Amino acid sequence: MPIPFSKKTRVVRQATADGADEKRSTRVTLKPGIDWHRRNFLAEVLIPSLFTRRSGKRAAPRFPKIRPGEFCITWIGHASFLIQTHDRNILVDPNWAKWLKVIKRLKQPGIELHHLPDIDLVLVTHAHFDHLDRRTLRRIASDQPIVVPVGVGSLVHDLGFNIVHELDYWQTVPLDALKISLTPCHHWGARFLADLHRGFGGFVIEANGRSIFHCGDSAYFPGFKEIGERHDVEIALLPIGAYDPPSGREVHMNPEEAVQAFLELGAKKLVPMHYGTFRLGYEPLDEPLTRLLARAREAGIDHDVLVMTEGQPVVL
């Protein structure tokens, strides 16, 4: 039975090409790890988080003038970024939610929603609640396009976007001067247990001969090398947190694996993300960044790591 999409919003699925029909499954199984039941996430993480005061300050950002050929990156928090070129404003995985159901946001978004510039394009890497927040998307939507993995269009088509582009692995959609490509990752995309059909991935954003790779969520897997072979990745936004999840499954990279992924991508700048906002694993909030910087020094790439502060734009 066809999905009853709104007549006002078209959901466009790209024709299969560029090896998308030959992709190998990168989905993480839902089977818990062996010792997952030996710890109590409710008592050790969730309840203490309720009594933790949210940190962070939100001030009106001072967006710099961006020249052709430059990127301006503003970390909102968690996996949310504002990426700007001289003529386009792109939001990736925007999430201003204070709660993920019972999980409290422990750091304020870097900027207020009303301080955002006009948004030309929205990208959502997968359907998990910390990446796809329908309330945030509804407030951002103003008849612009949104790009999502295959199977996710039914969650965003009714929010106010003029067109929904669904991509499979290695597919690309040109949007004015931008090229947006979906890349594989080792994760899963179900919003609930019964909707395993939903896709998931990362995005390569290409503009003016330069590129940014937003990994989305991923455990470490050999696919990073192929991503680097297919795309000339310059700036890599890589997750470093939630590597000790309550399920005991390997669903996120740890900081040392993020360094390995960076090296295999062949990227020039590593921007860590997906830490310090929502406590999704047993590890302390400040541990991921400490481990990342230590491993980067050991690997001799510490000068290639850009640690961002929420709400502070950086021009590259």
Protein backbone atom coordinates (compact mmCIF):
# COMPACT_ATOMS: atom_id res chain seq x y z
CA MET A 1 0.00 0.00 0.00
CA PRO A 2 1.49 3.40 -0.94
CA ILE A 3 2.35 5.81 1.84
CA PRO A 4 -0.31 8.57 1.96
CA PHE A 5 2.01 11.54 1.60
CA SER A 6 0.56 15.04 1.60
CA LYS A 7 -0.34 16.27 -1.87
CA LYS A 8 1.53 19.48 -1.09
CA THR A 9 4.87 17.80 -0.50
CA ARG A 10 6.57 15.53 -3.00
CA VAL A 11 8.80 12.72 -1.77
CA VAL A 12 11.40 12.02 -4.44
CA ARG A 13 13.44 8.82 -4.38
CA GLN A 14 16.50 8.77 -6.60
CA ALA A 15 16.95 6.13 -9.27
CA THR A 16 19.25 3.29 -8.20
CA ALA A 17 22.77 3.94 -9.42
CA ASP A 18 26.43 4.10 -8.42
CA GLY A 19 26.40 0.76 -6.64
CA ALA A 20 23.41 1.49 -4.43
CA ASP A 21 21.79 -1.72 -5.66
CA GLU A 22 24.84 -3.72 -4.56
CA LYS A 23 25.17 -2.36 -1.03
CA ARG A 24 25.99 -4.70 1.81
CA SER A 25 23.98 -4.47 4.99
CA THR A 26 25.54 -2.20 7.60
CA ARG A 27 22.68 -2.46 10.08
CA VAL A 28 23.54 -3.21 13.68
CA THR A 29 21.40 -6.00 15.09
CA LEU A 30 19.06 -5.26 17.98
CA LYS A 31 20.37 -8.15 20.09
CA PRO A 32 21.76 -6.79 23.39
CA GLY A 33 25.34 -7.40 24.45
CA ILE A 34 26.14 -10.31 26.74
CA ASP A 35 26.47 -8.36 30.01
CA TRP A 36 23.98 -5.56 29.35
CA HIS A 37 21.77 -6.60 32.29
CA ARG A 38 24.58 -6.42 34.86
CA ARG A 39 24.32 -2.62 35.04
CA ASN A 40 21.38 -0.35 35.76
CA PHE A 41 21.11 2.56 33.32
CA LEU A 42 18.12 4.00 35.17
CA ALA A 43 19.91 4.17 38.51
CA GLU A 44 23.40 5.01 37.23
CA VAL A 45 22.60 7.51 34.48
CA LEU A 46 18.97 8.56 34.02
CA ILE A 47 18.05 9.40 37.60
CA PRO A 48 21.30 11.31 38.36
CA SER A 49 20.78 13.25 35.11
CA LEU A 50 17.42 14.49 36.36
CA PHE A 51 19.20 16.36 39.16
CA THR A 52 21.93 17.74 36.91
CA ARG A 53 21.50 21.40 36.03
CA ARG A 54 21.71 22.20 32.32
CA SER A 55 24.95 23.96 31.46
CA GLY A 56 25.82 26.30 28.62
CA LYS A 57 24.88 29.81 27.63
CA ARG A 58 22.96 30.97 24.61
CA ALA A 59 23.88 34.34 23.16
CA ALA A 60 23.02 35.93 19.84
CA PRO A 61 25.69 34.58 17.46
CA ARG A 62 27.88 36.89 15.43
CA PHE A 63 27.92 35.25 12.03
CA PRO A 64 30.96 36.42 10.04
CA LYS A 65 30.88 37.44 6.40
CA ILE A 66 31.55 34.33 4.34
CA ARG A 67 33.43 34.62 1.08
CA PRO A 68 33.05 32.27 -1.91
CA GLY A 69 35.00 29.08 -1.27
CA GLU A 70 34.64 29.29 2.52
CA PHE A 71 32.60 27.23 4.95
CA CYS A 72 31.28 28.58 8.23
CA ILE A 73 30.43 25.87 10.75
CA THR A 74 28.42 26.44 13.92
CA TRP A 75 27.93 23.56 16.34
CA ILE A 76 24.48 23.73 17.91
CA GLY A 77 25.14 20.74 20.17
CA HIS A 78 25.08 16.93 19.95
CA ALA A 79 24.96 16.18 16.17
CA SER A 80 23.27 19.47 15.17
CA PHE A 81 25.23 21.84 12.92
CA LEU A 82 24.62 24.97 10.92
CA ILE A 83 26.84 24.85 7.84
CA GLN A 84 27.05 28.01 5.73
CA THR A 85 28.55 28.88 2.37
CA HIS A 86 28.59 32.41 1.00
CA ASP A 87 25.05 31.93 -0.34
CA ARG A 88 23.50 28.89 1.39
CA ASN A 89 22.54 27.97 4.97
CA ILE A 90 22.26 24.24 5.75
CA LEU A 91 21.07 22.60 8.97
CA VAL A 92 22.10 19.03 9.73
CA ASP A 93 20.22 16.93 12.32
CA PRO A 94 18.67 20.00 13.99
CA ASN A 95 17.50 19.28 17.53
CA TRP A 96 16.50 21.90 20.07
CA ALA A 97 14.60 19.43 22.29
CA LYS A 98 15.03 19.67 26.06
CA TRP A 99 14.13 15.99 26.49
CA LEU A 100 14.46 12.79 24.46
CA LYS A 101 11.44 11.18 26.09
CA VAL A 102 13.00 10.46 29.52
CA ILE A 103 16.58 11.52 28.68
CA LYS A 104 17.34 15.08 29.76
CA ARG A 105 19.34 17.50 27.66
CA LEU A 106 22.30 18.45 29.86
CA LYS A 107 23.69 21.31 27.76
CA GLN A 108 21.73 24.13 26.21
CA PRO A 109 21.70 24.51 22.41
CA GLY A 110 24.45 26.88 21.33
CA ILE A 111 22.02 29.40 19.84
CA GLU A 112 18.32 30.08 20.01
CA LEU A 113 16.14 28.93 17.13
CA HIS A 114 15.05 32.48 16.37
CA HIS A 115 18.68 33.56 15.93
CA LEU A 116 19.14 31.24 12.95
CA PRO A 117 19.52 32.78 9.50
CA ASP A 118 17.05 31.76 6.80
CA ILE A 119 17.60 28.05 6.21
CA ASP A 120 17.90 26.90 2.58
CA LEU A 121 18.28 23.16 3.14
CA VAL A 122 17.84 20.61 5.93
CA LEU A 123 19.59 17.22 6.17
CA VAL A 124 18.58 14.44 8.57
CA THR A 125 20.85 11.40 8.86
CA HIS A 126 18.36 8.95 10.41
CA ALA A 127 15.16 8.68 12.40
CA HIS A 128 16.44 8.33 15.97
CA PHE A 129 14.93 10.87 18.35
CA ASP A 130 18.25 12.61 19.05
CA HIS A 131 18.70 13.30 15.32
CA LEU A 132 15.16 13.66 13.98
CA ASP A 133 13.11 15.91 16.24
CA ARG A 134 9.78 16.62 14.56
CA ARG A 135 8.99 19.61 16.76
CA THR A 136 12.26 21.31 15.83
CA LEU A 137 11.85 20.46 12.15
CA ARG A 138 8.33 21.89 12.10
CA ARG A 139 9.63 25.20 13.46
CA ILE A 140 12.45 25.31 10.90
CA ALA A 141 10.42 24.27 7.87
CA SER A 142 9.60 27.17 5.54
CA ASP A 143 8.99 25.56 2.16
CA GLN A 144 12.63 24.56 1.59
CA PRO A 145 13.87 21.05 0.62
CA ILE A 146 14.92 18.35 3.08
CA VAL A 147 17.14 15.34 2.35
CA VAL A 148 16.77 12.08 4.29
CA PRO A 149 17.69 8.40 3.83
CA VAL A 150 15.28 6.02 2.13
CA GLY A 151 12.25 5.28 4.30
CA VAL A 152 12.47 8.40 6.45
CA GLY A 153 10.36 10.65 4.21
CA SER A 154 7.12 9.55 5.85
CA LEU A 155 8.29 11.15 9.12
CA VAL A 156 8.98 14.62 7.70
CA HIS A 157 6.71 15.10 4.69
CA ASP A 158 3.96 16.84 6.67
CA LEU A 159 6.10 19.37 8.53
CA GLY A 160 6.23 22.17 5.94
CA PHE A 161 9.04 21.28 3.52
CA ASN A 162 8.35 21.78 -0.17
CA ILE A 163 10.07 18.56 -1.27
CA VAL A 164 11.59 15.54 0.44
CA HIS A 165 14.55 13.88 -1.26
CA GLU A 166 15.13 10.26 -0.17
CA LEU A 167 18.62 8.90 -0.87
CA ASP A 168 20.12 5.43 -0.73
CA TYR A 169 23.84 4.78 -0.20
CA TRP A 170 26.14 6.55 -2.67
CA GLN A 171 23.30 8.47 -4.27
CA THR A 172 23.69 12.20 -4.88
CA VAL A 173 21.18 14.98 -5.35
CA PRO A 174 22.27 18.36 -6.80
CA LEU A 175 20.59 21.32 -5.13
CA ASP A 176 21.61 24.57 -6.79
CA ALA A 177 25.35 24.96 -6.16
CA LEU A 178 25.40 22.09 -3.64
CA LYS A 179 25.84 18.35 -4.06
CA ILE A 180 24.49 16.16 -1.26
CA SER A 181 25.49 12.47 -1.11
CA LEU A 182 24.42 9.77 1.34
CA THR A 183 27.17 7.48 2.62
CA PRO A 184 26.97 4.18 4.55
CA CYS A 185 27.47 3.86 8.29
CA HIS A 186 27.25 1.00 10.81
CA HIS A 187 24.14 1.78 12.81
CA TRP A 188 20.38 1.29 12.45
CA GLY A 189 17.51 3.58 11.57
CA ALA A 190 14.36 2.34 13.30
CA ARG A 191 12.42 4.97 15.23
CA PHE A 192 10.50 2.15 16.88
CA LEU A 193 11.21 -1.59 16.94
CA ALA A 194 8.72 -2.31 14.17
CA ASP A 195 10.11 0.05 11.49
CA LEU A 196 13.46 -1.45 10.58
CA HIS A 197 12.84 -0.46 6.95
CA ARG A 198 14.08 3.07 7.60
CA GLY A 199 17.48 3.94 6.18
CA PHE A 200 20.42 5.64 7.89
CA GLY A 201 23.75 7.11 6.87
CA GLY A 202 26.02 10.12 6.72
CA PHE A 203 26.14 13.05 4.30
CA VAL A 204 28.90 14.51 2.16
CA ILE A 205 28.18 18.16 1.39
CA GLU A 206 30.10 19.53 -1.59
CA ALA A 207 30.22 23.20 -2.54
CA ASN A 208 32.70 25.35 -4.45
CA GLY A 209 35.16 22.47 -4.79
CA ARG A 210 35.23 21.76 -1.04
CA SER A 211 33.50 19.15 1.12
CA ILE A 212 32.22 18.44 4.62
CA PHE A 213 31.35 14.93 5.82
CA HIS A 214 28.76 14.58 8.57
CA CYS A 215 28.98 10.98 9.75
CA GLY A 216 25.58 10.80 11.44
CA ASP A 217 25.74 7.95 13.96
CA SER A 218 28.05 5.02 13.40
CA ALA A 219 30.04 2.33 15.07
CA TYR A 220 33.47 1.88 13.54
CA PHE A 221 33.40 -0.21 10.34
CA PRO A 222 35.68 -0.71 7.31
CA GLY A 223 33.46 1.51 5.15
CA PHE A 224 35.25 4.72 6.08
CA LYS A 225 38.06 3.88 3.71
CA GLU A 226 35.60 3.48 0.83
CA ILE A 227 33.93 6.78 1.69
CA GLY A 228 37.34 8.45 1.46
CA GLU A 229 38.01 6.75 -1.87
CA ARG A 230 34.69 7.86 -3.36
CA HIS A 231 34.69 11.39 -1.92
CA ASP A 232 37.50 13.86 -1.33
CA VAL A 233 36.59 14.58 2.29
CA GLU A 234 38.14 17.74 3.68
CA ILE A 235 36.31 18.33 6.99
CA ALA A 236 34.97 15.31 8.91
CA LEU A 237 32.35 15.75 11.63
CA LEU A 238 32.71 12.52 13.59
CA PRO A 239 30.81 11.19 16.64
CA ILE A 240 32.87 10.33 19.72
CA GLY A 241 30.27 9.69 22.45
CA ALA A 242 27.68 7.13 23.61
CA TYR A 243 30.15 4.29 23.08
CA ASP A 244 29.17 2.55 26.33
CA PRO A 245 25.41 2.18 25.70
CA PRO A 246 22.90 0.53 28.04
CA SER A 247 22.22 -2.22 25.47
CA GLY A 248 25.88 -3.24 25.37
CA ARG A 249 25.77 -3.20 21.56
CA GLU A 250 28.50 -1.64 19.42
CA VAL A 251 26.48 1.19 17.92
CA HIS A 252 28.79 4.21 18.27
CA MET A 253 32.49 4.80 17.77
CA ASN A 254 34.69 5.43 20.75
CA PRO A 255 37.21 8.32 20.49
CA GLU A 256 40.09 6.08 19.44
CA GLU A 257 37.98 4.60 16.64
CA ALA A 258 36.99 8.09 15.52
CA VAL A 259 40.69 8.89 15.02
CA GLN A 260 41.06 5.69 13.00
CA ALA A 261 38.03 6.61 10.89
CA PHE A 262 39.49 10.07 10.29
CA LEU A 263 42.76 8.60 9.09
CA GLU A 264 40.99 6.14 6.78
CA LEU A 265 38.80 8.90 5.34
CA GLY A 266 41.92 10.83 4.42
CA ALA A 267 40.30 14.01 5.75
CA LYS A 268 42.20 17.15 6.72
CA LYS A 269 40.21 18.39 9.74
CA LEU A 270 38.41 16.40 12.45
CA VAL A 271 35.51 18.04 14.27
CA PRO A 272 34.20 15.89 17.17
CA MET A 273 30.46 15.78 17.86
CA HIS A 274 27.78 13.66 19.54
CA TYR A 275 29.08 14.18 23.07
CA GLY A 276 28.37 16.41 26.05
CA THR A 277 24.67 17.12 25.36
CA PHE A 278 22.61 14.00 26.05
CA ARG A 279 24.02 11.26 28.25
CA LEU A 280 23.21 8.21 26.11
CA GLY A 281 25.84 5.87 27.56
CA TYR A 282 27.51 5.02 30.83
CA GLU A 283 30.67 7.01 30.10
CA PRO A 284 31.01 10.40 31.88
CA LEU A 285 30.15 13.45 29.76
CA ASP A 286 33.71 14.78 29.73
CA GLU A 287 35.45 11.49 28.97
CA PRO A 288 35.01 11.33 25.14
CA LEU A 289 36.86 14.57 24.43
CA THR A 290 39.69 13.75 26.86
CA ARG A 291 40.23 10.37 25.20
CA LEU A 292 40.02 11.86 21.71
CA LEU A 293 42.67 14.48 22.35
CA ALA A 294 44.97 11.92 23.97
CA ARG A 295 44.68 9.56 21.00
CA ALA A 296 45.10 12.43 18.52
CA ARG A 297 48.38 13.39 20.18
CA GLU A 298 49.58 9.80 20.01
CA ALA A 299 48.68 9.65 16.31
CA GLY A 300 50.35 13.00 15.60
CA ILE A 301 47.15 14.64 14.35
CA ASP A 302 46.32 16.86 17.32
CA HIS A 303 46.79 19.96 15.12
CA ASP A 304 44.10 18.56 12.79
CA VAL A 305 41.43 18.37 15.52
CA LEU A 306 39.05 21.31 15.83
CA VAL A 307 37.17 21.27 19.14
CA MET A 308 34.17 23.53 18.73
CA THR A 309 32.19 25.45 21.32
CA GLU A 310 28.44 25.42 20.91
CA GLY A 311 27.12 28.59 19.30
CA GLN A 312 30.48 29.96 18.13
CA PRO A 313 30.82 30.09 14.31
CA VAL A 314 34.14 29.05 12.79
CA VAL A 315 35.18 29.91 9.23
CA LEU A 316 37.32 27.36 7.42
